Amino acid sequence: MFTYVGLITLTPEGRETLEKAPEYLEKFKKLIEEEGGVLEDTFAIMGPWDFLALVKYPDNAAAFRALAKIGKLEVIKTETFPIEKVELFVKALV
């Protein structure tokens, strides 16, 4: 499994119905799981994004499929990046 970080922002439509944010995040989780992914954790954050999600997918193809489905949601948008432990990064430099 490969790890990704998702930076999630509520759209204007999502902000209008902010009380439904738990429902939006549950739908987000379901779409990830449909593609064999695992939503490890979600955090509310301050700054330009509203939430941060740590997600594992079996491969990039699964991540792309899930993100395409998530992209169809009208209440959230996400920027997703693969991440790796610093130790692995440093090891690759040697």
PDB file of N, CA and C in Angstrom:
ATOM      1  N   MET A   1       0.851  -1.186   0.000  1.00  0.00           N
ATOM      2  CA  MET A   1       0.000   0.000   0.000  1.00  0.00           C
ATOM      3  C   MET A   1       0.893   1.244   0.000  1.00  0.00           C
ATOM      4  N   PHE A   2       0.448   2.254  -0.707  1.00  0.00           N
ATOM      5  CA  PHE A   2       1.162   3.521  -0.803  1.00  0.00           C
ATOM      6  C   PHE A   2       0.369   4.587  -0.060  1.00  0.00           C
ATOM      7  N   THR A   3       1.078   5.514   0.577  1.00  0.00           N
ATOM      8  CA  THR A   3       0.432   6.526   1.401  1.00  0.00           C
ATOM      9  C   THR A   3       0.344   7.854   0.660  1.00  0.00           C
ATOM     10  N   TYR A   4      -0.787   8.506   0.826  1.00  0.00           N
ATOM     11  CA  TYR A   4      -1.057   9.803   0.206  1.00  0.00           C
ATOM     12  C   TYR A   4      -1.626  10.745   1.264  1.00  0.00           C
ATOM     13  N   VAL A   5      -1.388  12.043   1.066  1.00  0.00           N
ATOM     14  CA  VAL A   5      -2.034  13.049   1.899  1.00  0.00           C
ATOM     15  C   VAL A   5      -3.015  13.793   0.998  1.00  0.00           C
ATOM     16  N   GLY A   6      -4.232  13.949   1.493  1.00  0.00           N
ATOM     17  CA  GLY A   6      -5.253  14.703   0.778  1.00  0.00           C
ATOM     18  C   GLY A   6      -5.547  15.987   1.522  1.00  0.00           C
ATOM     19  N   LEU A   7      -5.389  17.103   0.838  1.00  0.00           N
ATOM     20  CA  LEU A   7      -5.727  18.404   1.404  1.00  0.00           C
ATOM     21  C   LEU A   7      -7.105  18.772   0.865  1.00  0.00           C
ATOM     22  N   ILE A   8      -8.080  18.845   1.757  1.00  0.00           N
ATOM     23  CA  ILE A   8      -9.484  18.950   1.366  1.00  0.00           C
ATOM     24  C   ILE A   8     -10.019  20.345   1.674  1.00  0.00           C
ATOM     25  N   THR A   9     -10.746  20.893   0.716  1.00  0.00           N
ATOM     26  CA  THR A   9     -11.399  22.183   0.875  1.00  0.00           C
ATOM     27  C   THR A   9     -12.880  22.010   0.590  1.00  0.00           C
ATOM     28  N   LEU A  10     -13.708  22.613   1.412  1.00  0.00           N
ATOM     29  CA  LEU A  10     -15.137  22.652   1.123  1.00  0.00           C
ATOM     30  C   LEU A  10     -15.381  23.677   0.018  1.00  0.00           C
ATOM     31  N   THR A  11     -16.218  23.337  -0.936  1.00  0.00           N
ATOM     32  CA  THR A  11     -16.591  24.279  -1.984  1.00  0.00           C
ATOM     33  C   THR A  11     -17.599  25.269  -1.399  1.00  0.00           C
ATOM     34  N   PRO A  12     -17.943  26.324  -2.135  1.00  0.00           N
ATOM     35  CA  PRO A  12     -18.986  27.227  -1.629  1.00  0.00           C
ATOM     36  C   PRO A  12     -20.279  26.486  -1.280  1.00  0.00           C
ATOM     37  N   GLU A  13     -20.640  25.488  -2.091  1.00  0.00           N
ATOM     38  CA  GLU A  13     -21.835  24.680  -1.787  1.00  0.00           C
ATOM     39  C   GLU A  13     -21.647  23.903  -0.484  1.00  0.00           C
ATOM     40  N   GLY A  14     -20.440  23.390  -0.275  1.00  0.00           N
ATOM     41  CA  GLY A  14     -20.149  22.659   0.954  1.00  0.00           C
ATOM     42  C   GLY A  14     -20.173  23.552   2.181  1.00  0.00           C
ATOM     43  N   ARG A  15     -19.725  24.768   2.024  1.00  0.00           N
ATOM     44  CA  ARG A  15     -19.736  25.717   3.147  1.00  0.00           C
ATOM     45  C   ARG A  15     -21.160  26.140   3.510  1.00  0.00           C
ATOM     46  N   GLU A  16     -22.035  26.201   2.507  1.00  0.00           N
ATOM     47  CA  GLU A  16     -23.433  26.569   2.772  1.00  0.00           C
ATOM     48  C   GLU A  16     -24.135  25.537   3.639  1.00  0.00           C
ATOM     49  N   THR A  17     -23.669  24.314   3.570  1.00  0.00           N
ATOM     50  CA  THR A  17     -24.270  23.225   4.352  1.00  0.00           C
ATOM     51  C   THR A  17     -23.201  22.590   5.239  1.00  0.00           C
ATOM     52  N   LEU A  18     -22.455  23.440   5.936  1.00  0.00           N
ATOM     53  CA  LEU A  18     -21.332  23.001   6.761  1.00  0.00           C
ATOM     54  C   LEU A  18     -21.725  21.948   7.790  1.00  0.00           C
ATOM     55  N   GLU A  19     -22.945  22.014   8.292  1.00  0.00           N
ATOM     56  CA  GLU A  19     -23.381  21.031   9.285  1.00  0.00           C
ATOM     57  C   GLU A  19     -23.389  19.604   8.732  1.00  0.00           C
ATOM     58  N   LYS A  20     -23.325  19.474   7.408  1.00  0.00           N
ATOM     59  CA  LYS A  20     -23.301  18.149   6.776  1.00  0.00           C
ATOM     60  C   LYS A  20     -21.881  17.661   6.504  1.00  0.00           C
ATOM     61  N   ALA A  21     -20.866  18.382   6.993  1.00  0.00           N
ATOM     62  CA  ALA A  21     -19.473  17.993   6.754  1.00  0.00           C
ATOM     63  C   ALA A  21     -19.198  16.535   7.137  1.00  0.00           C
ATOM     64  N   PRO A  22     -19.725  16.024   8.257  1.00  0.00           N
ATOM     65  CA  PRO A  22     -19.485  14.603   8.565  1.00  0.00           C
ATOM     66  C   PRO A  22     -20.024  13.668   7.471  1.00  0.00           C
ATOM     67  N   GLU A  23     -21.143  14.021   6.867  1.00  0.00           N
ATOM     68  CA  GLU A  23     -21.693  13.211   5.770  1.00  0.00           C
ATOM     69  C   GLU A  23     -20.766  13.255   4.556  1.00  0.00           C
ATOM     70  N   TYR A  24     -20.226  14.437   4.256  1.00  0.00           N
ATOM     71  CA  TYR A  24     -19.317  14.570   3.112  1.00  0.00           C
ATOM     72  C   TYR A  24     -18.069  13.720   3.324  1.00  0.00           C
ATOM     73  N   LEU A  25     -17.539  13.763   4.543  1.00  0.00           N
ATOM     74  CA  LEU A  25     -16.334  12.992   4.836  1.00  0.00           C
ATOM     75  C   LEU A  25     -16.613  11.488   4.818  1.00  0.00           C
ATOM     76  N   GLU A  26     -17.816  11.097   5.203  1.00  0.00           N
ATOM     77  CA  GLU A  26     -18.182   9.673   5.141  1.00  0.00           C
ATOM     78  C   GLU A  26     -18.271   9.215   3.682  1.00  0.00           C
ATOM     79  N   LYS A  27     -18.819  10.045   2.812  1.00  0.00           N
ATOM     80  CA  LYS A  27     -18.880   9.732   1.385  1.00  0.00           C
ATOM     81  C   LYS A  27     -17.470   9.649   0.813  1.00  0.00           C
ATOM     82  N   PHE A  28     -16.607  10.567   1.202  1.00  0.00           N
ATOM     83  CA  PHE A  28     -15.198  10.569   0.824  1.00  0.00           C
ATOM     84  C   PHE A  28     -14.564   9.223   1.196  1.00  0.00           C
ATOM     85  N   LYS A  29     -14.798   8.790   2.427  1.00  0.00           N
ATOM     86  CA  LYS A  29     -14.258   7.513   2.915  1.00  0.00           C
ATOM     87  C   LYS A  29     -14.787   6.347   2.094  1.00  0.00           C
ATOM     88  N   LYS A  30     -16.074   6.345   1.801  1.00  0.00           N
ATOM     89  CA  LYS A  30     -16.678   5.251   1.044  1.00  0.00           C
ATOM     90  C   LYS A  30     -16.072   5.144  -0.357  1.00  0.00           C
ATOM     91  N   LEU A  31     -15.868   6.280  -1.019  1.00  0.00           N
ATOM     92  CA  LEU A  31     -15.286   6.267  -2.359  1.00  0.00           C
ATOM     93  C   LEU A  31     -13.855   5.738  -2.335  1.00  0.00           C
ATOM     94  N   ILE A  32     -13.112   6.054  -1.304  1.00  0.00           N
ATOM     95  CA  ILE A  32     -11.752   5.535  -1.142  1.00  0.00           C
ATOM     96  C   ILE A  32     -11.790   4.021  -0.980  1.00  0.00           C
ATOM     97  N   GLU A  33     -12.671   3.537  -0.118  1.00  0.00           N
ATOM     98  CA  GLU A  33     -12.766   2.102   0.154  1.00  0.00           C
ATOM     99  C   GLU A  33     -13.234   1.322  -1.062  1.00  0.00           C
ATOM    100  N   GLU A  34     -14.082   1.914  -1.892  1.00  0.00           N
ATOM    101  CA  GLU A  34     -14.546   1.245  -3.118  1.00  0.00           C
ATOM    102  C   GLU A  34     -13.387   0.901  -4.051  1.00  0.00           C
ATOM    103  N   GLU A  35     -12.301   1.650  -3.944  1.00  0.00           N
ATOM    104  CA  GLU A  35     -11.128   1.410  -4.803  1.00  0.00           C
ATOM    105  C   GLU A  35     -10.014   0.677  -4.072  1.00  0.00           C
ATOM    106  N   GLY A  36     -10.351   0.060  -2.941  1.00  0.00           N
ATOM    107  CA  GLY A  36      -9.368  -0.726  -2.200  1.00  0.00           C
ATOM    108  C   GLY A  36      -8.478   0.106  -1.305  1.00  0.00           C
ATOM    109  N   GLY A  37      -8.830   1.380  -1.125  1.00  0.00           N
ATOM    110  CA  GLY A  37      -8.040   2.259  -0.274  1.00  0.00           C
ATOM    111  C   GLY A  37      -8.508   2.230   1.165  1.00  0.00           C
ATOM    112  N   VAL A  38      -7.723   2.841   2.021  1.00  0.00           N
ATOM    113  CA  VAL A  38      -8.037   2.927   3.439  1.00  0.00           C
ATOM    114  C   VAL A  38      -7.828   4.376   3.888  1.00  0.00           C
ATOM    115  N   LEU A  39      -8.861   4.973   4.445  1.00  0.00           N
ATOM    116  CA  LEU A  39      -8.734   6.300   5.036  1.00  0.00           C
ATOM    117  C   LEU A  39      -8.207   6.095   6.445  1.00  0.00           C
ATOM    118  N   GLU A  40      -6.917   6.392   6.646  1.00  0.00           N
ATOM    119  CA  GLU A  40      -6.284   6.132   7.943  1.00  0.00           C
ATOM    120  C   GLU A  40      -6.690   7.144   9.005  1.00  0.00           C
ATOM    121  N   ASP A  41      -6.767   8.413   8.615  1.00  0.00           N
ATOM    122  CA  ASP A  41      -7.116   9.438   9.594  1.00  0.00           C
ATOM    123  C   ASP A  41      -7.500  10.712   8.864  1.00  0.00           C
ATOM    124  N   THR A  42      -8.299  11.524   9.522  1.00  0.00           N
ATOM    125  CA  THR A  42      -8.713  12.816   8.982  1.00  0.00           C
ATOM    126  C   THR A  42      -8.580  13.852  10.087  1.00  0.00           C
ATOM    127  N   PHE A  43      -8.073  15.019   9.719  1.00  0.00           N
ATOM    128  CA  PHE A  43      -7.875  16.108  10.671  1.00  0.00           C
ATOM    129  C   PHE A  43      -8.529  17.378  10.141  1.00  0.00           C
ATOM    130  N   ALA A  44      -9.115  18.161  11.017  1.00  0.00           N
ATOM    131  CA  ALA A  44      -9.523  19.519  10.676  1.00  0.00           C
ATOM    132  C   ALA A  44      -8.270  20.379  10.827  1.00  0.00           C
ATOM    133  N   ILE A  45      -8.041  21.276   9.871  1.00  0.00           N
ATOM    134  CA  ILE A  45      -6.838  22.098   9.935  1.00  0.00           C
ATOM    135  C   ILE A  45      -7.177  23.571   9.683  1.00  0.00           C
ATOM    136  N   MET A  46      -6.296  24.432  10.133  1.00  0.00           N
ATOM    137  CA  MET A  46      -6.437  25.865   9.876  1.00  0.00           C
ATOM    138  C   MET A  46      -5.557  26.217   8.685  1.00  0.00           C
ATOM    139  N   GLY A  47      -5.969  27.204   7.937  1.00  0.00           N
ATOM    140  CA  GLY A  47      -5.194  27.623   6.775  1.00  0.00           C
ATOM    141  C   GLY A  47      -6.057  27.556   5.533  1.00  0.00           C
ATOM    142  N   PRO A  48      -5.458  27.408   4.372  1.00  0.00           N
ATOM    143  CA  PRO A  48      -6.224  27.430   3.131  1.00  0.00           C
ATOM    144  C   PRO A  48      -7.073  26.172   2.900  1.00  0.00           C
ATOM    145  N   TRP A  49      -6.815  25.108   3.649  1.00  0.00           N
ATOM    146  CA  TRP A  49      -7.604  23.886   3.528  1.00  0.00           C
ATOM    147  C   TRP A  49      -8.443  23.702   4.783  1.00  0.00           C
ATOM    148  N   ASP A  50      -9.467  22.874   4.679  1.00  0.00           N
ATOM    149  CA  ASP A  50     -10.351  22.615   5.809  1.00  0.00           C
ATOM    150  C   ASP A  50     -10.010  21.319   6.536  1.00  0.00           C
ATOM    151  N   PHE A  51      -9.573  20.310   5.779  1.00  0.00           N
ATOM    152  CA  PHE A  51      -9.272  18.992   6.345  1.00  0.00           C
ATOM    153  C   PHE A  51      -8.019  18.427   5.701  1.00  0.00           C
ATOM    154  N   LEU A  52      -7.350  17.540   6.420  1.00  0.00           N
ATOM    155  CA  LEU A  52      -6.213  16.791   5.914  1.00  0.00           C
ATOM    156  C   LEU A  52      -6.528  15.320   6.112  1.00  0.00           C
ATOM    157  N   ALA A  53      -6.364  14.532   5.068  1.00  0.00           N
ATOM    158  CA  ALA A  53      -6.639  13.095   5.153  1.00  0.00           C
ATOM    159  C   ALA A  53      -5.375  12.307   4.838  1.00  0.00           C
ATOM    160  N   LEU A  54      -5.115  11.280   5.631  1.00  0.00           N
ATOM    161  CA  LEU A  54      -4.045  10.319   5.345  1.00  0.00           C
ATOM    162  C   LEU A  54      -4.708   9.078   4.782  1.00  0.00           C
ATOM    163  N   VAL A  55      -4.311   8.724   3.560  1.00  0.00           N
ATOM    164  CA  VAL A  55      -4.985   7.652   2.829  1.00  0.00           C
ATOM    165  C   VAL A  55      -3.956   6.673   2.291  1.00  0.00           C
ATOM    166  N   LYS A  56      -4.311   5.405   2.274  1.00  0.00           N
ATOM    167  CA  LYS A  56      -3.476   4.380   1.647  1.00  0.00           C
ATOM    168  C   LYS A  56      -4.250   3.779   0.473  1.00  0.00           C
ATOM    169  N   TYR A  57      -3.559   3.619  -0.651  1.00  0.00           N
ATOM    170  CA  TYR A  57      -4.120   2.967  -1.826  1.00  0.00           C
ATOM    171  C   TYR A  57      -3.175   1.858  -2.251  1.00  0.00           C
ATOM    172  N   PRO A  58      -3.706   0.807  -2.876  1.00  0.00           N
ATOM    173  CA  PRO A  58      -2.832  -0.278  -3.310  1.00  0.00           C
ATOM    174  C   PRO A  58      -1.871   0.133  -4.434  1.00  0.00           C
ATOM    175  N   ASP A  59      -2.280   1.117  -5.244  1.00  0.00           N
ATOM    176  CA  ASP A  59      -1.427   1.594  -6.333  1.00  0.00           C
ATOM    177  C   ASP A  59      -1.965   2.932  -6.847  1.00  0.00           C
ATOM    178  N   ASN A  60      -1.219   3.547  -7.753  1.00  0.00           N
ATOM    179  CA  ASN A  60      -1.638   4.842  -8.298  1.00  0.00           C
ATOM    180  C   ASN A  60      -2.937   4.760  -9.079  1.00  0.00           C
ATOM    181  N   ALA A  61      -3.166   3.642  -9.765  1.00  0.00           N
ATOM    182  CA  ALA A  61      -4.399   3.502 -10.543  1.00  0.00           C
ATOM    183  C   ALA A  61      -5.619   3.573  -9.627  1.00  0.00           C
ATOM    184  N   ALA A  62      -5.552   2.905  -8.484  1.00  0.00           N
ATOM    185  CA  ALA A  62      -6.657   2.955  -7.518  1.00  0.00           C
ATOM    186  C   ALA A  62      -6.838   4.370  -6.980  1.00  0.00           C
ATOM    187  N   ALA A  63      -5.740   5.052  -6.712  1.00  0.00           N
ATOM    188  CA  ALA A  63      -5.816   6.432  -6.233  1.00  0.00           C
ATOM    189  C   ALA A  63      -6.480   7.319  -7.283  1.00  0.00           C
ATOM    190  N   PHE A  64      -6.091   7.171  -8.543  1.00  0.00           N
ATOM    191  CA  PHE A  64      -6.689   7.975  -9.605  1.00  0.00           C
ATOM    192  C   PHE A  64      -8.189   7.700  -9.748  1.00  0.00           C
ATOM    193  N   ARG A  65      -8.577   6.443  -9.660  1.00  0.00           N
ATOM    194  CA  ARG A  65     -10.013   6.110  -9.779  1.00  0.00           C
ATOM    195  C   ARG A  65     -10.805   6.752  -8.641  1.00  0.00           C
ATOM    196  N   ALA A  66     -10.300   6.619  -7.420  1.00  0.00           N
ATOM    197  CA  ALA A  66     -10.997   7.201  -6.269  1.00  0.00           C
ATOM    198  C   ALA A  66     -11.069   8.720  -6.400  1.00  0.00           C
ATOM    199  N   LEU A  67      -9.973   9.339  -6.800  1.00  0.00           N
ATOM    200  CA  LEU A  67      -9.954  10.794  -6.917  1.00  0.00           C
ATOM    201  C   LEU A  67     -10.860  11.292  -8.038  1.00  0.00           C
ATOM    202  N   ALA A  68     -11.014  10.508  -9.084  1.00  0.00           N
ATOM    203  CA  ALA A  68     -11.948  10.885 -10.147  1.00  0.00           C
ATOM    204  C   ALA A  68     -13.376  10.893  -9.614  1.00  0.00           C
ATOM    205  N   LYS A  69     -13.718   9.900  -8.808  1.00  0.00           N
ATOM    206  CA  LYS A  69     -15.054   9.845  -8.205  1.00  0.00           C
ATOM    207  C   LYS A  69     -15.244  10.981  -7.202  1.00  0.00           C
ATOM    208  N   ILE A  70     -14.222  11.235  -6.400  1.00  0.00           N
ATOM    209  CA  ILE A  70     -14.296  12.315  -5.409  1.00  0.00           C
ATOM    210  C   ILE A  70     -14.443  13.656  -6.128  1.00  0.00           C
ATOM    211  N   GLY A  71     -13.788  13.786  -7.273  1.00  0.00           N
ATOM    212  CA  GLY A  71     -13.876  15.013  -8.051  1.00  0.00           C
ATOM    213  C   GLY A  71     -15.281  15.336  -8.525  1.00  0.00           C
ATOM    214  N   LYS A  72     -16.132  14.328  -8.606  1.00  0.00           N
ATOM    215  CA  LYS A  72     -17.522  14.538  -9.024  1.00  0.00           C
ATOM    216  C   LYS A  72     -18.390  15.101  -7.906  1.00  0.00           C
ATOM    217  N   LEU A  73     -17.909  15.008  -6.673  1.00  0.00           N
ATOM    218  CA  LEU A  73     -18.665  15.570  -5.558  1.00  0.00           C
ATOM    219  C   LEU A  73     -18.672  17.087  -5.685  1.00  0.00           C
ATOM    220  N   GLU A  74     -19.773  17.699  -5.428  1.00  0.00           N
ATOM    221  CA  GLU A  74     -19.876  19.147  -5.592  1.00  0.00           C
ATOM    222  C   GLU A  74     -19.606  19.908  -4.296  1.00  0.00           C
ATOM    223  N   VAL A  75     -19.311  19.204  -3.216  1.00  0.00           N
ATOM    224  CA  VAL A  75     -19.169  19.878  -1.923  1.00  0.00           C
ATOM    225  C   VAL A  75     -17.737  19.912  -1.394  1.00  0.00           C
ATOM    226  N   ILE A  76     -16.870  19.080  -1.956  1.00  0.00           N
ATOM    227  CA  ILE A  76     -15.467  19.108  -1.546  1.00  0.00           C
ATOM    228  C   ILE A  76     -14.574  19.018  -2.764  1.00  0.00           C
ATOM    229  N   LYS A  77     -13.372  19.559  -2.621  1.00  0.00           N
ATOM    230  CA  LYS A  77     -12.337  19.321  -3.625  1.00  0.00           C
ATOM    231  C   LYS A  77     -11.068  18.971  -2.866  1.00  0.00           C
ATOM    232  N   THR A  78     -10.227  18.207  -3.500  1.00  0.00           N
ATOM    233  CA  THR A  78      -9.027  17.733  -2.822  1.00  0.00           C
ATOM    234  C   THR A  78      -7.799  17.880  -3.703  1.00  0.00           C
ATOM    235  N   GLU A  79      -6.692  18.161  -3.065  1.00  0.00           N
ATOM    236  CA  GLU A  79      -5.379  18.100  -3.693  1.00  0.00           C
ATOM    237  C   GLU A  79      -4.677  16.941  -3.004  1.00  0.00           C
ATOM    238  N   THR A  80      -4.202  15.975  -3.782  1.00  0.00           N
ATOM    239  CA  THR A  80      -3.658  14.753  -3.205  1.00  0.00           C
ATOM    240  C   THR A  80      -2.220  14.549  -3.672  1.00  0.00           C
ATOM    241  N   PHE A  81      -1.374  14.154  -2.717  1.00  0.00           N
ATOM    242  CA  PHE A  81       0.042  13.975  -3.000  1.00  0.00           C
ATOM    243  C   PHE A  81       0.533  12.668  -2.379  1.00  0.00           C
ATOM    244  N   PRO A  82       1.412  11.931  -3.090  1.00  0.00           N
ATOM    245  CA  PRO A  82       2.038  10.766  -2.455  1.00  0.00           C
ATOM    246  C   PRO A  82       3.028  11.254  -1.406  1.00  0.00           C
ATOM    247  N   ILE A  83       3.129  10.536  -0.308  1.00  0.00           N
ATOM    248  CA  ILE A  83       4.090  10.891   0.739  1.00  0.00           C
ATOM    249  C   ILE A  83       4.886   9.650   1.135  1.00  0.00           C
ATOM    250  N   GLU A  84       6.053   9.890   1.702  1.00  0.00           N
ATOM    251  CA  GLU A  84       6.934   8.815   2.138  1.00  0.00           C
ATOM    252  C   GLU A  84       7.646   9.273   3.400  1.00  0.00           C
ATOM    253  N   LYS A  85       8.034   8.343   4.224  1.00  0.00           N
ATOM    254  CA  LYS A  85       8.794   8.646   5.434  1.00  0.00           C
ATOM    255  C   LYS A  85      10.117   9.311   5.050  1.00  0.00           C
ATOM    256  N   VAL A  86      10.564  10.250   5.858  1.00  0.00           N
ATOM    257  CA  VAL A  86      11.810  10.960   5.581  1.00  0.00           C
ATOM    258  C   VAL A  86      12.984   9.987   5.510  1.00  0.00           C
ATOM    259  N   GLU A  87      12.959   8.965   6.341  1.00  0.00           N
ATOM    260  CA  GLU A  87      14.054   7.998   6.369  1.00  0.00           C
ATOM    261  C   GLU A  87      14.243   7.335   4.992  1.00  0.00           C
ATOM    262  N   LEU A  88      13.149   7.026   4.332  1.00  0.00           N
ATOM    263  CA  LEU A  88      13.242   6.404   3.009  1.00  0.00           C
ATOM    264  C   LEU A  88      13.801   7.403   2.000  1.00  0.00           C
ATOM    265  N   PHE A  89      13.385   8.642   2.103  1.00  0.00           N
ATOM    266  CA  PHE A  89      13.890   9.691   1.238  1.00  0.00           C
ATOM    267  C   PHE A  89      15.398   9.854   1.397  1.00  0.00           C
ATOM    268  N   VAL A  90      15.827   9.947   2.657  1.00  0.00           N
ATOM    269  CA  VAL A  90      17.259  10.123   2.925  1.00  0.00           C
ATOM    270  C   VAL A  90      18.040   8.915   2.437  1.00  0.00           C
ATOM    271  N   LYS A  91      17.507   7.726   2.634  1.00  0.00           N
ATOM    272  CA  LYS A  91      18.173   6.494   2.196  1.00  0.00           C
ATOM    273  C   LYS A  91      18.355   6.495   0.681  1.00  0.00           C
ATOM    274  N   ALA A  92      17.393   7.053  -0.044  1.00  0.00           N
ATOM    275  CA  ALA A  92      17.485   7.113  -1.499  1.00  0.00           C
ATOM    276  C   ALA A  92      18.601   8.045  -1.962  1.00  0.00           C
ATOM    277  N   LEU A  93      18.988   8.993  -1.116  1.00  0.00           N
ATOM    278  CA  LEU A  93      20.047   9.947  -1.467  1.00  0.00           C
ATOM    279  C   LEU A  93      21.439   9.344  -1.344  1.00  0.00           C
ATOM    280  N   VAL A  94      21.539   8.292  -0.556  1.00  0.00           N
ATOM    281  CA  VAL A  94      22.862   7.702  -0.285  1.00  0.00           C
ATOM    282  C   VAL A  94      23.209   6.672  -1.324  1.00  0.00           C
TER     283      VAL A  94
END
